[in-house]
Amino acid sequence: MQTTLVPSVSPRRKWFGILLFLSVAIIGLFWAKWQPYFHKVFTAAEKHSIGKSILTGSSSTSLHLHGMRL
């Protein structure tokens, strides 16, 4: 039976790999999830609205249901 030795990874290289993975994950999440909506934060803070509703088509924050205002 022949045994092969698995080369060990130095702790410094292991931490570098972990930090590289976390950096890529954080940058990827920012780019894909948060960056497209980043400008809306300032719009919402200034105007208290982020634009037209995708459900009603109006910019009103209230909901109208069968003539009743909720």
Protein backbone atom coordinates (compact mmCIF):
# COMPACT_ATOMS: atom_id res chain seq x y z
CA MET A 1 0.00 0.00 0.00
CA GLN A 2 1.40 3.34 -1.01
CA THR A 3 0.55 6.45 0.96
CA THR A 4 0.70 9.92 -0.48
CA LEU A 5 1.35 12.94 1.62
CA VAL A 6 -1.00 15.89 1.28
CA PRO A 7 0.97 19.13 1.24
CA SER A 8 -0.01 21.37 4.10
CA VAL A 9 -1.08 24.95 3.52
CA SER A 10 0.63 27.62 5.56
CA PRO A 11 -1.62 29.58 7.94
CA ARG A 12 -0.69 32.82 6.19
CA ARG A 13 -1.80 31.49 2.81
CA LYS A 14 -5.00 30.10 4.34
CA TRP A 15 -5.94 33.49 5.83
CA PHE A 16 -5.11 35.18 2.54
CA GLY A 17 -7.54 32.83 0.76
CA ILE A 18 -10.27 33.47 3.33
CA LEU A 19 -9.84 37.26 3.08
CA LEU A 20 -9.78 37.10 -0.71
CA PHE A 21 -13.02 35.09 -0.74
CA LEU A 22 -14.74 37.48 1.68
CA SER A 23 -13.58 40.51 -0.32
CA VAL A 24 -14.91 39.09 -3.58
CA ALA A 25 -18.20 38.13 -1.89
CA ILE A 26 -18.70 41.58 -0.35
CA ILE A 27 -17.80 43.44 -3.55
CA GLY A 28 -20.03 41.10 -5.58
CA LEU A 29 -22.98 41.61 -3.25
CA PHE A 30 -22.53 45.38 -3.33
CA TRP A 31 -22.38 45.40 -7.11
CA ALA A 32 -25.33 43.07 -7.67
CA LYS A 33 -27.67 43.89 -4.80
CA TRP A 34 -27.02 47.30 -3.30
CA GLN A 35 -25.38 49.52 -5.92
CA PRO A 36 -28.38 49.65 -8.31
CA TYR A 37 -30.53 51.09 -5.50
CA PHE A 38 -27.94 53.24 -3.75
CA HIS A 39 -29.18 56.50 -5.33
CA LYS A 40 -32.75 55.80 -4.19
CA VAL A 41 -31.69 56.16 -0.55
CA PHE A 42 -30.95 59.85 -1.05
CA THR A 43 -34.12 60.36 -3.11
CA ALA A 44 -36.25 58.72 -0.42
CA ALA A 45 -34.61 60.76 2.33
CA GLU A 46 -35.20 64.00 0.45
CA LYS A 47 -38.67 63.46 -1.03
CA HIS A 48 -40.07 60.75 1.27
CA SER A 49 -40.85 58.72 -1.85
CA ILE A 50 -38.81 56.58 -4.24
CA GLY A 51 -41.06 57.12 -7.24
CA LYS A 52 -44.15 55.55 -8.74
CA SER A 53 -45.59 52.40 -7.25
CA ILE A 54 -45.23 49.29 -9.39
CA LEU A 55 -48.66 48.19 -8.20
CA THR A 56 -50.78 51.32 -8.57
CA GLY A 57 -48.68 53.47 -10.89
CA SER A 58 -49.03 56.46 -8.60
CA SER A 59 -46.53 58.01 -6.25
CA SER A 60 -49.03 58.13 -3.40
CA THR A 61 -48.02 56.28 -0.25
CA SER A 62 -51.63 55.47 0.69
CA LEU A 63 -53.51 52.47 -0.60
CA HIS A 64 -56.98 52.80 -2.11
CA LEU A 65 -59.13 49.70 -1.95
CA HIS A 66 -62.74 49.78 -3.23
CA GLY A 67 -63.10 53.47 -2.53
CA MET A 68 -61.67 53.22 0.98
CA ARG A 69 -58.43 54.92 1.81
CA LEU A 70 -56.20 52.80 4.03
